[in-house]
Amino acid sequence: MSVSEIETVDMACVLMSAYELGDMINGSVEVADYLYWRERMQEHPEVRRLIGKLNAKKELFEETQRFGHFHPNFHAAKEEVELVEREMEEIEAVSRFKEAEKALDDLLFEMSETIAYSVSSSIKVPGNDPLPKKGCGSGGSCGCG
C-alpha cells in the first residue's frame, strides 16, 4: 500500500468520525433547545410584528449610516432600532432563543477548540467574541495573549 493510499484511508476515517460527531451534536440538548425556542419565536405573533417593525427601522438607520454620526437623524434612527430590539428581548421566546443560541455557540466553539488543539497547541481558533482581546489576539508566543 502506497503512502497516498494510507492517507486516503485515514481521511475517509476522519470524515466518517466528523459525520458521527455532527450527528452527536445534532442530538444534543443544546441543539434541541435551540430548535425548540427558534420555533416558538418564529410562531409568536408579537415577534413577527416586531420583526417587521425592526426591519423598517433598520432600513431607515442604514440610510443615515452613509453619513455616519454627521447625519442629523443618525442617533435618533439608531435609538429607534435599539428600542425595538429591547422590546423584542422582553418576550420570553426571544430571550430564551438567544440563551439557547449562545449555549449552542459555546458548545460548537469548545468542540472546534478541542479539535484544533488536538492537532497543535499553536493553532488559532476563531471565536465569536464581539469584544476580542487586545493585541494580536492569538494567545501564542508573542506574549500579548
N, C-alpha and C. Protein backbone atom coordinates (compact mmCIF):
# COMPACT_ATOMS: atom_id res chain seq x y z
N MET A 1 0.85 -1.18 0.00
CA MET A 1 0.00 0.00 0.00
C MET A 1 0.89 1.24 0.00
N SER A 2 0.64 2.16 -0.93
CA SER A 2 1.46 3.36 -1.03
C SER A 2 1.06 4.38 0.05
N VAL A 3 1.88 5.41 0.22
CA VAL A 3 1.62 6.46 1.21
C VAL A 3 0.31 7.18 0.88
N SER A 4 0.04 7.45 -0.39
CA SER A 4 -1.20 8.15 -0.75
C SER A 4 -2.42 7.31 -0.44
N GLU A 5 -2.32 5.99 -0.56
CA GLU A 5 -3.44 5.12 -0.20
C GLU A 5 -3.69 5.12 1.30
N ILE A 6 -2.63 5.16 2.09
CA ILE A 6 -2.77 5.22 3.55
C ILE A 6 -3.45 6.52 3.95
N GLU A 7 -3.04 7.65 3.34
CA GLU A 7 -3.65 8.94 3.65
C GLU A 7 -5.13 8.96 3.26
N THR A 8 -5.48 8.31 2.15
CA THR A 8 -6.87 8.25 1.71
C THR A 8 -7.71 7.48 2.72
N VAL A 9 -7.21 6.36 3.18
CA VAL A 9 -7.92 5.56 4.17
C VAL A 9 -8.10 6.37 5.45
N ASP A 10 -7.04 7.03 5.90
CA ASP A 10 -7.12 7.84 7.11
C ASP A 10 -8.12 8.99 6.94
N MET A 11 -8.14 9.65 5.79
CA MET A 11 -9.05 10.77 5.57
C MET A 11 -10.49 10.28 5.55
N ALA A 12 -10.73 9.12 4.99
CA ALA A 12 -12.09 8.56 5.00
C ALA A 12 -12.53 8.30 6.44
N CYS A 13 -11.63 7.79 7.26
CA CYS A 13 -11.95 7.55 8.67
C CYS A 13 -12.24 8.87 9.39
N VAL A 14 -11.42 9.87 9.09
CA VAL A 14 -11.62 11.18 9.72
C VAL A 14 -12.98 11.76 9.32
N LEU A 15 -13.30 11.65 8.04
CA LEU A 15 -14.59 12.17 7.57
C LEU A 15 -15.76 11.43 8.21
N MET A 16 -15.66 10.13 8.33
CA MET A 16 -16.73 9.36 8.98
C MET A 16 -16.88 9.78 10.44
N SER A 17 -15.76 9.99 11.10
CA SER A 17 -15.80 10.45 12.50
C SER A 17 -16.42 11.84 12.60
N ALA A 18 -16.11 12.69 11.63
CA ALA A 18 -16.69 14.04 11.62
C ALA A 18 -18.21 13.98 11.47
N TYR A 19 -18.69 13.11 10.59
CA TYR A 19 -20.14 12.95 10.43
C TYR A 19 -20.78 12.41 11.70
N GLU A 20 -20.10 11.46 12.34
CA GLU A 20 -20.62 10.92 13.60
C GLU A 20 -20.67 12.01 14.67
N LEU A 21 -19.62 12.83 14.73
CA LEU A 21 -19.60 13.94 15.69
C LEU A 21 -20.74 14.92 15.39
N GLY A 22 -20.96 15.21 14.12
CA GLY A 22 -22.07 16.08 13.73
C GLY A 22 -23.41 15.51 14.17
N ASP A 23 -23.58 14.21 13.99
CA ASP A 23 -24.82 13.56 14.43
C ASP A 23 -24.99 13.66 15.95
N MET A 24 -23.89 13.49 16.69
CA MET A 24 -23.97 13.60 18.15
C MET A 24 -24.33 15.02 18.58
N ILE A 25 -23.75 16.00 17.91
CA ILE A 25 -24.07 17.40 18.21
C ILE A 25 -25.54 17.67 17.90
N ASN A 26 -26.00 17.18 16.75
CA ASN A 26 -27.41 17.37 16.37
C ASN A 26 -28.36 16.71 17.37
N GLY A 27 -27.90 15.68 18.07
CA GLY A 27 -28.72 15.02 19.08
C GLY A 27 -28.57 15.59 20.48
N SER A 28 -27.82 16.69 20.60
CA SER A 28 -27.54 17.27 21.91
C SER A 28 -28.71 18.09 22.45
N VAL A 29 -28.69 18.31 23.75
CA VAL A 29 -29.69 19.15 24.42
C VAL A 29 -29.61 20.57 23.87
N GLU A 30 -28.40 21.04 23.61
CA GLU A 30 -28.23 22.41 23.12
C GLU A 30 -28.94 22.62 21.78
N VAL A 31 -28.81 21.67 20.87
CA VAL A 31 -29.47 21.80 19.58
C VAL A 31 -30.98 21.69 19.75
N ALA A 32 -31.42 20.77 20.61
CA ALA A 32 -32.87 20.61 20.84
C ALA A 32 -33.48 21.89 21.41
N ASP A 33 -32.80 22.51 22.38
CA ASP A 33 -33.29 23.77 22.96
C ASP A 33 -33.31 24.88 21.91
N TYR A 34 -32.25 24.96 21.14
CA TYR A 34 -32.15 25.97 20.09
C TYR A 34 -33.31 25.85 19.11
N LEU A 35 -33.56 24.63 18.61
CA LEU A 35 -34.63 24.41 17.65
C LEU A 35 -36.00 24.68 18.26
N TYR A 36 -36.20 24.27 19.52
CA TYR A 36 -37.47 24.49 20.20
C TYR A 36 -37.78 25.98 20.32
N TRP A 37 -36.83 26.75 20.84
CA TRP A 37 -37.07 28.18 21.06
C TRP A 37 -37.09 28.98 19.77
N ARG A 38 -36.36 28.51 18.75
CA ARG A 38 -36.43 29.17 17.45
C ARG A 38 -37.84 29.04 16.88
N GLU A 39 -38.42 27.85 17.00
CA GLU A 39 -39.78 27.63 16.52
C GLU A 39 -40.79 28.45 17.32
N ARG A 40 -40.64 28.49 18.65
CA ARG A 40 -41.55 29.29 19.49
C ARG A 40 -41.46 30.76 19.09
N MET A 41 -40.26 31.22 18.85
CA MET A 41 -40.06 32.62 18.49
C MET A 41 -40.69 32.92 17.13
N GLN A 42 -40.46 32.04 16.15
CA GLN A 42 -40.99 32.27 14.81
C GLN A 42 -42.51 32.22 14.76
N GLU A 43 -43.13 31.46 15.68
CA GLU A 43 -44.59 31.34 15.70
C GLU A 43 -45.27 32.46 16.50
N HIS A 44 -44.51 33.18 17.29
CA HIS A 44 -45.07 34.19 18.19
C HIS A 44 -45.56 35.40 17.37
N PRO A 45 -46.85 35.74 17.45
CA PRO A 45 -47.38 36.84 16.63
C PRO A 45 -46.74 38.19 16.95
N GLU A 46 -46.46 38.46 18.20
CA GLU A 46 -45.85 39.75 18.57
C GLU A 46 -44.42 39.83 18.04
N VAL A 47 -43.72 38.72 18.05
CA VAL A 47 -42.36 38.71 17.50
C VAL A 47 -42.41 39.00 16.00
N ARG A 48 -43.34 38.39 15.31
CA ARG A 48 -43.48 38.64 13.87
C ARG A 48 -43.74 40.11 13.59
N ARG A 49 -44.63 40.71 14.38
CA ARG A 49 -44.95 42.13 14.20
C ARG A 49 -43.71 42.98 14.45
N LEU A 50 -42.99 42.66 15.53
CA LEU A 50 -41.80 43.44 15.88
C LEU A 50 -40.66 43.25 14.87
N ILE A 51 -40.57 42.07 14.26
CA ILE A 51 -39.54 41.86 13.24
C ILE A 51 -39.81 42.77 12.04
N GLY A 52 -41.07 42.89 11.64
CA GLY A 52 -41.42 43.82 10.56
C GLY A 52 -41.07 45.25 10.92
N LYS A 53 -41.40 45.64 12.15
CA LYS A 53 -41.09 46.98 12.64
C LYS A 53 -39.58 47.20 12.70
N LEU A 54 -38.86 46.19 13.18
CA LEU A 54 -37.40 46.29 13.29
C LEU A 54 -36.76 46.43 11.91
N ASN A 55 -37.23 45.67 10.94
CA ASN A 55 -36.68 45.77 9.58
C ASN A 55 -36.89 47.16 9.00
N ALA A 56 -38.05 47.75 9.26
CA ALA A 56 -38.31 49.11 8.77
C ALA A 56 -37.39 50.12 9.44
N LYS A 57 -37.19 49.98 10.76
CA LYS A 57 -36.31 50.90 11.49
C LYS A 57 -34.85 50.72 11.04
N LYS A 58 -34.45 49.48 10.79
CA LYS A 58 -33.08 49.22 10.32
C LYS A 58 -32.85 49.84 8.95
N GLU A 59 -33.87 49.78 8.11
CA GLU A 59 -33.75 50.37 6.78
C GLU A 59 -33.52 51.88 6.87
N LEU A 60 -34.28 52.53 7.76
CA LEU A 60 -34.09 53.97 7.96
C LEU A 60 -32.71 54.26 8.53
N PHE A 61 -32.26 53.43 9.46
CA PHE A 61 -30.95 53.62 10.07
C PHE A 61 -29.85 53.45 9.02
N GLU A 62 -29.99 52.47 8.14
CA GLU A 62 -28.98 52.24 7.10
C GLU A 62 -28.85 53.44 6.18
N GLU A 63 -29.96 54.13 5.93
CA GLU A 63 -29.90 55.34 5.11
C GLU A 63 -29.06 56.42 5.77
N THR A 64 -29.17 56.52 7.10
CA THR A 64 -28.39 57.55 7.81
C THR A 64 -26.93 57.14 7.95
N GLN A 65 -26.63 55.86 7.89
CA GLN A 65 -25.25 55.39 8.07
C GLN A 65 -24.32 55.84 6.96
N ARG A 66 -24.84 56.17 5.82
CA ARG A 66 -23.99 56.64 4.73
C ARG A 66 -23.19 57.87 5.17
N PHE A 67 -23.78 58.69 6.04
CA PHE A 67 -23.12 59.90 6.51
C PHE A 67 -22.62 59.75 7.94
N GLY A 68 -22.91 58.61 8.56
CA GLY A 68 -22.46 58.36 9.91
C GLY A 68 -23.12 59.28 10.91
N HIS A 69 -22.40 59.54 11.99
CA HIS A 69 -23.00 60.35 13.06
C HIS A 69 -23.18 61.82 12.67
N PHE A 70 -22.72 62.19 11.46
CA PHE A 70 -22.93 63.55 10.98
C PHE A 70 -24.35 63.75 10.43
N HIS A 71 -25.03 62.66 10.11
CA HIS A 71 -26.40 62.76 9.60
C HIS A 71 -27.28 63.27 10.74
N PRO A 72 -28.17 64.23 10.48
CA PRO A 72 -28.98 64.81 11.56
C PRO A 72 -29.89 63.80 12.28
N ASN A 73 -30.27 62.71 11.61
CA ASN A 73 -31.16 61.72 12.23
C ASN A 73 -30.44 60.44 12.65
N PHE A 74 -29.12 60.42 12.57
CA PHE A 74 -28.36 59.21 12.85
C PHE A 74 -28.66 58.65 14.24
N HIS A 75 -28.51 59.47 15.26
CA HIS A 75 -28.69 59.00 16.64
C HIS A 75 -30.14 58.60 16.92
N ALA A 76 -31.08 59.35 16.40
CA ALA A 76 -32.50 59.03 16.60
C ALA A 76 -32.84 57.71 15.91
N ALA A 77 -32.34 57.50 14.70
CA ALA A 77 -32.61 56.25 13.97
C ALA A 77 -31.99 55.07 14.69
N LYS A 78 -30.78 55.27 15.22
CA LYS A 78 -30.10 54.19 15.96
C LYS A 78 -30.88 53.85 17.24
N GLU A 79 -31.34 54.87 17.94
CA GLU A 79 -32.10 54.65 19.18
C GLU A 79 -33.42 53.92 18.90
N GLU A 80 -34.05 54.22 17.77
CA GLU A 80 -35.31 53.54 17.42
C GLU A 80 -35.07 52.05 17.17
N VAL A 81 -33.97 51.71 16.52
CA VAL A 81 -33.63 50.30 16.30
C VAL A 81 -33.39 49.62 17.64
N GLU A 82 -32.62 50.25 18.51
CA GLU A 82 -32.31 49.67 19.81
C GLU A 82 -33.57 49.52 20.67
N LEU A 83 -34.48 50.45 20.55
CA LEU A 83 -35.73 50.38 21.31
C LEU A 83 -36.56 49.16 20.91
N VAL A 84 -36.67 48.92 19.60
CA VAL A 84 -37.43 47.76 19.12
C VAL A 84 -36.71 46.47 19.53
N GLU A 85 -35.38 46.46 19.46
CA GLU A 85 -34.62 45.27 19.88
C GLU A 85 -34.86 44.96 21.36
N ARG A 86 -34.86 46.01 22.19
CA ARG A 86 -35.13 45.79 23.62
C ARG A 86 -36.56 45.29 23.86
N GLU A 87 -37.48 45.82 23.08
CA GLU A 87 -38.88 45.38 23.18
C GLU A 87 -38.99 43.89 22.82
N MET A 88 -38.25 43.47 21.81
CA MET A 88 -38.27 42.06 21.42
C MET A 88 -37.66 41.17 22.51
N GLU A 89 -36.58 41.64 23.12
CA GLU A 89 -35.89 40.84 24.13
C GLU A 89 -36.74 40.63 25.39
N GLU A 90 -37.78 41.43 25.56
CA GLU A 90 -38.67 41.27 26.70
C GLU A 90 -39.62 40.08 26.53
N ILE A 91 -39.73 39.59 25.30
CA ILE A 91 -40.59 38.44 25.02
C ILE A 91 -39.80 37.18 25.37
N GLU A 92 -40.42 36.30 26.17
CA GLU A 92 -39.72 35.11 26.66
C GLU A 92 -39.13 34.27 25.53
N ALA A 93 -39.90 34.06 24.47
CA ALA A 93 -39.42 33.21 23.38
C ALA A 93 -38.13 33.77 22.77
N VAL A 94 -38.02 35.07 22.68
CA VAL A 94 -36.82 35.70 22.10
C VAL A 94 -35.64 35.57 23.07
N SER A 95 -35.87 35.91 24.33
CA SER A 95 -34.76 35.83 25.29
C SER A 95 -34.28 34.39 25.47
N ARG A 96 -35.20 33.44 25.50
CA ARG A 96 -34.82 32.03 25.65
C ARG A 96 -34.11 31.53 24.39
N PHE A 97 -34.55 32.01 23.22
CA PHE A 97 -33.88 31.64 21.97
C PHE A 97 -32.44 32.15 21.99
N LYS A 98 -32.24 33.38 22.43
CA LYS A 98 -30.89 33.95 22.47
C LYS A 98 -30.00 33.17 23.45
N GLU A 99 -30.56 32.74 24.58
CA GLU A 99 -29.81 31.92 25.53
C GLU A 99 -29.43 30.59 24.90
N ALA A 100 -30.38 29.96 24.21
CA ALA A 100 -30.12 28.67 23.57
C ALA A 100 -29.10 28.82 22.45
N GLU A 101 -29.19 29.91 21.72
CA GLU A 101 -28.24 30.18 20.64
C GLU A 101 -26.82 30.34 21.20
N LYS A 102 -26.70 31.05 22.31
CA LYS A 102 -25.40 31.25 22.96
C LYS A 102 -24.85 29.92 23.46
N ALA A 103 -25.70 29.08 24.07
CA ALA A 103 -25.26 27.77 24.57
C ALA A 103 -24.76 26.89 23.42
N LEU A 104 -25.47 26.90 22.30
CA LEU A 104 -25.05 26.12 21.14
C LEU A 104 -23.75 26.67 20.56
N ASP A 105 -23.64 27.99 20.49
CA ASP A 105 -22.42 28.61 20.00
C ASP A 105 -21.24 28.23 20.89
N ASP A 106 -21.44 28.25 22.20
CA ASP A 106 -20.37 27.87 23.14
C ASP A 106 -19.96 26.42 22.93
N LEU A 107 -20.94 25.53 22.75
CA LEU A 107 -20.65 24.12 22.51
C LEU A 107 -19.82 23.95 21.25
N LEU A 108 -20.23 24.60 20.17
CA LEU A 108 -19.51 24.48 18.90
C LEU A 108 -18.11 25.07 19.00
N PHE A 109 -17.96 26.16 19.73
CA PHE A 109 -16.64 26.75 19.91
C PHE A 109 -15.74 25.80 20.70
N GLU A 110 -16.26 25.23 21.79
CA GLU A 110 -15.47 24.29 22.58
C GLU A 110 -15.05 23.08 21.75
N MET A 111 -15.95 22.59 20.91
CA MET A 111 -15.63 21.45 20.05
C MET A 111 -14.53 21.82 19.06
N SER A 112 -14.66 22.97 18.40
CA SER A 112 -13.65 23.37 17.42
C SER A 112 -12.31 23.63 18.09
N GLU A 113 -12.34 24.18 19.30
CA GLU A 113 -11.11 24.41 20.05
C GLU A 113 -10.44 23.08 20.41
N THR A 114 -11.21 22.12 20.86
CA THR A 114 -10.68 20.80 21.21
C THR A 114 -10.06 20.13 19.98
N ILE A 115 -10.76 20.20 18.86
CA ILE A 115 -10.23 19.59 17.63
C ILE A 115 -8.94 20.29 17.20
N ALA A 116 -8.95 21.62 17.19
CA ALA A 116 -7.78 22.37 16.75
C ALA A 116 -6.57 22.09 17.65
N TYR A 117 -6.77 22.12 18.97
CA TYR A 117 -5.66 21.92 19.88
C TYR A 117 -5.18 20.47 19.92
N SER A 118 -6.02 19.54 19.46
CA SER A 118 -5.54 18.16 19.38
C SER A 118 -4.58 18.00 18.20
N VAL A 119 -4.65 18.93 17.24
CA VAL A 119 -3.72 18.93 16.12
C VAL A 119 -2.43 19.65 16.52
N SER A 120 -2.57 20.83 17.14
CA SER A 120 -1.40 21.60 17.56
C SER A 120 -1.84 22.67 18.55
N SER A 121 -1.02 22.90 19.57
CA SER A 121 -1.35 23.92 20.58
C SER A 121 -1.18 25.34 20.05
N SER A 122 -0.58 25.49 18.89
CA SER A 122 -0.37 26.84 18.35
C SER A 122 -1.39 27.24 17.30
N ILE A 123 -2.36 26.38 17.04
CA ILE A 123 -3.39 26.71 16.05
C ILE A 123 -4.31 27.79 16.61
N LYS A 124 -4.64 28.76 15.76
CA LYS A 124 -5.56 29.82 16.16
C LYS A 124 -6.98 29.33 15.96
N VAL A 125 -7.82 29.53 16.97
CA VAL A 125 -9.22 29.12 16.89
C VAL A 125 -10.07 30.38 16.91
N PRO A 126 -10.77 30.66 15.80
CA PRO A 126 -11.60 31.86 15.78
C PRO A 126 -12.77 31.73 16.74
N GLY A 127 -13.12 32.84 17.37
CA GLY A 127 -14.25 32.86 18.28
C GLY A 127 -15.28 33.87 17.83
N ASN A 128 -16.40 33.88 18.51
CA ASN A 128 -17.47 34.82 18.16
C ASN A 128 -17.55 35.95 19.17
N ASP A 129 -16.50 36.16 19.95
CA ASP A 129 -16.50 37.19 20.96
C ASP A 129 -16.58 38.56 20.30
N PRO A 130 -17.65 39.33 20.57
CA PRO A 130 -17.76 40.66 19.95
C PRO A 130 -16.73 41.65 20.50
N LEU A 131 -16.11 41.31 21.63
CA LEU A 131 -15.08 42.16 22.21
C LEU A 131 -13.79 41.36 22.34
N PRO A 132 -13.08 41.16 21.22
CA PRO A 132 -11.87 40.34 21.27
C PRO A 132 -10.80 40.97 22.15
N LYS A 133 -9.89 40.12 22.61
CA LYS A 133 -8.79 40.60 23.47
C LYS A 133 -7.93 41.59 22.71
N LYS A 134 -7.30 42.49 23.44
CA LYS A 134 -6.42 43.48 22.81
C LYS A 134 -5.15 42.79 22.35
N GLY A 135 -4.42 43.43 21.46
CA GLY A 135 -3.19 42.87 20.95
C GLY A 135 -3.47 41.98 19.77
N CYS A 136 -2.57 41.06 19.52
CA CYS A 136 -2.72 40.21 18.34
C CYS A 136 -3.88 39.25 18.52
N GLY A 137 -4.22 38.88 19.75
CA GLY A 137 -5.38 38.06 20.00
C GLY A 137 -5.15 36.58 19.80
N SER A 138 -3.95 36.19 19.40
CA SER A 138 -3.74 34.78 19.11
C SER A 138 -3.45 33.97 20.36
N GLY A 139 -2.95 34.64 21.40
CA GLY A 139 -2.59 33.92 22.61
C GLY A 139 -1.35 33.09 22.43
N GLY A 140 -0.65 33.28 21.33
CA GLY A 140 0.53 32.50 21.03
C GLY A 140 1.77 33.02 21.70
N SER A 141 2.90 32.80 21.07
CA SER A 141 4.20 33.11 21.67
C SER A 141 4.55 34.59 21.65
N CYS A 142 3.72 35.43 21.08
CA CYS A 142 4.06 36.86 21.00
C CYS A 142 3.98 37.53 22.37
N GLY A 143 3.26 36.89 23.30
CA GLY A 143 3.21 37.42 24.67
C GLY A 143 2.07 38.39 24.93
N CYS A 144 1.25 38.67 23.93
CA CYS A 144 0.17 39.62 24.17
C CYS A 144 -1.14 38.93 24.49
N GLY A 145 -1.21 37.62 24.43
CA GLY A 145 -2.47 36.91 24.66
C GLY A 145 -2.68 36.70 26.04
